[in-house]
Amino acid sequence: MNACGFGDAELEFPVEVHFRVIAFADAGTETAVRAAAAELGVAEFLAPGNVSAGGKYQTFNLSLMVEDLPRMQEIDRVFRAVPGVKMVL
């Protein structure tokens, strides 16, 4: 088990991490988000979330156990690189 500083908190790995991917609500972006999840090997953990009131944005939720900081950073980086993704929380 290893630990990492994250702001004022310290994370101990493995840790359950919850990601929220906010993206444009269109079929192409959804396909790209799902392809990124498949590339990362986490597709079974990806769940669609809410659509914004105006229908412009869609969220995708991802909760999984992460073994170390590099893996957590990789997941964040891959989703942020998807065209149409506006934010990863």
Protein backbone atom coordinates (compact mmCIF):
# COMPACT_ATOMS: atom_id res chain seq x y z
CA MET A 1 0.00 0.00 0.00
CA ASN A 2 1.35 3.43 -0.88
CA ALA A 3 0.15 6.93 -0.07
CA CYS A 4 0.03 10.17 -2.02
CA GLY A 5 -0.71 13.75 -1.07
CA PHE A 6 -3.82 15.16 -2.74
CA GLY A 7 -4.35 18.74 -1.65
CA ASP A 8 -4.63 18.66 2.14
CA ALA A 9 -5.71 15.01 2.09
CA GLU A 10 -3.55 11.94 1.78
CA LEU A 11 -4.71 9.06 -0.38
CA GLU A 12 -3.80 5.48 0.43
CA PHE A 13 -3.82 3.09 -2.50
CA PRO A 14 -5.65 1.08 -3.53
CA VAL A 15 -8.53 3.55 -3.30
CA GLU A 16 -12.04 3.75 -4.75
CA VAL A 17 -12.16 6.71 -7.13
CA HIS A 18 -15.22 8.40 -8.60
CA PHE A 19 -14.83 10.23 -11.91
CA ARG A 20 -17.48 12.35 -13.60
CA VAL A 21 -16.91 13.07 -17.29
CA ILE A 22 -18.86 16.05 -18.64
CA ALA A 23 -19.16 16.11 -22.42
CA PHE A 24 -21.27 17.35 -25.29
CA ALA A 25 -24.49 15.33 -25.59
CA ASP A 26 -24.09 13.89 -29.06
CA ALA A 27 -23.66 10.38 -30.41
CA GLY A 28 -20.09 10.96 -31.62
CA THR A 29 -18.88 12.17 -28.25
CA GLU A 30 -20.63 9.34 -26.41
CA THR A 31 -19.01 6.83 -28.77
CA ALA A 32 -15.59 8.41 -28.15
CA VAL A 33 -16.06 8.39 -24.35
CA ARG A 34 -17.08 4.73 -24.45
CA ALA A 35 -14.09 3.91 -26.69
CA ALA A 36 -11.76 5.63 -24.20
CA ALA A 37 -13.27 3.59 -21.36
CA ALA A 38 -12.74 0.41 -23.38
CA GLU A 39 -9.13 1.42 -24.12
CA LEU A 40 -8.55 1.86 -20.39
CA GLY A 41 -10.24 -1.46 -19.58
CA VAL A 42 -12.92 0.21 -17.46
CA ALA A 43 -15.92 0.13 -19.82
CA GLU A 44 -17.98 -2.03 -17.44
CA PHE A 45 -17.74 0.71 -14.78
CA LEU A 46 -18.89 3.56 -17.05
CA ALA A 47 -22.50 4.63 -16.54
CA PRO A 48 -24.43 7.41 -18.24
CA GLY A 49 -25.47 10.21 -15.93
CA ASN A 50 -27.65 13.27 -16.35
CA VAL A 51 -28.27 15.40 -19.42
CA SER A 52 -28.27 19.16 -18.88
CA ALA A 53 -31.60 21.02 -18.92
CA GLY A 54 -30.82 22.46 -22.35
CA GLY A 55 -29.69 19.08 -23.67
CA LYS A 56 -26.21 20.35 -24.57
CA TYR A 57 -24.19 18.31 -22.05
CA GLN A 58 -24.19 14.70 -20.84
CA THR A 59 -22.36 13.27 -17.84
CA PHE A 60 -20.78 9.85 -17.51
CA ASN A 61 -19.94 8.40 -14.11
CA LEU A 62 -17.11 6.02 -13.37
CA SER A 63 -16.41 4.45 -9.96
CA LEU A 64 -13.64 1.90 -9.55
CA MET A 65 -10.72 0.79 -7.41
CA VAL A 66 -7.43 2.33 -8.53
CA GLU A 67 -4.18 0.66 -7.54
CA ASP A 68 -1.83 3.66 -7.75
CA LEU A 69 -1.48 7.34 -8.63
CA PRO A 70 -0.11 6.78 -12.17
CA ARG A 71 -3.23 4.73 -13.03
CA MET A 72 -5.52 7.44 -11.62
CA GLN A 73 -3.67 10.08 -13.64
CA GLU A 74 -3.85 7.93 -16.79
CA ILE A 75 -7.63 7.60 -16.52
CA ASP A 76 -7.97 11.36 -16.06
CA ARG A 77 -5.61 12.12 -18.97
CA VAL A 78 -7.29 9.75 -21.43
CA PHE A 79 -10.79 11.09 -20.77
CA ARG A 80 -9.62 14.72 -20.95
CA ALA A 81 -8.12 14.02 -24.39
CA VAL A 82 -11.44 12.86 -25.87
CA PRO A 83 -12.85 15.42 -28.33
CA GLY A 84 -16.10 16.82 -26.94
CA VAL A 85 -15.18 16.26 -23.29
CA LYS A 86 -15.38 19.57 -21.47
CA MET A 87 -14.37 18.52 -17.96
CA VAL A 88 -13.31 15.54 -15.85
CA LEU A 89 -14.02 15.72 -12.14
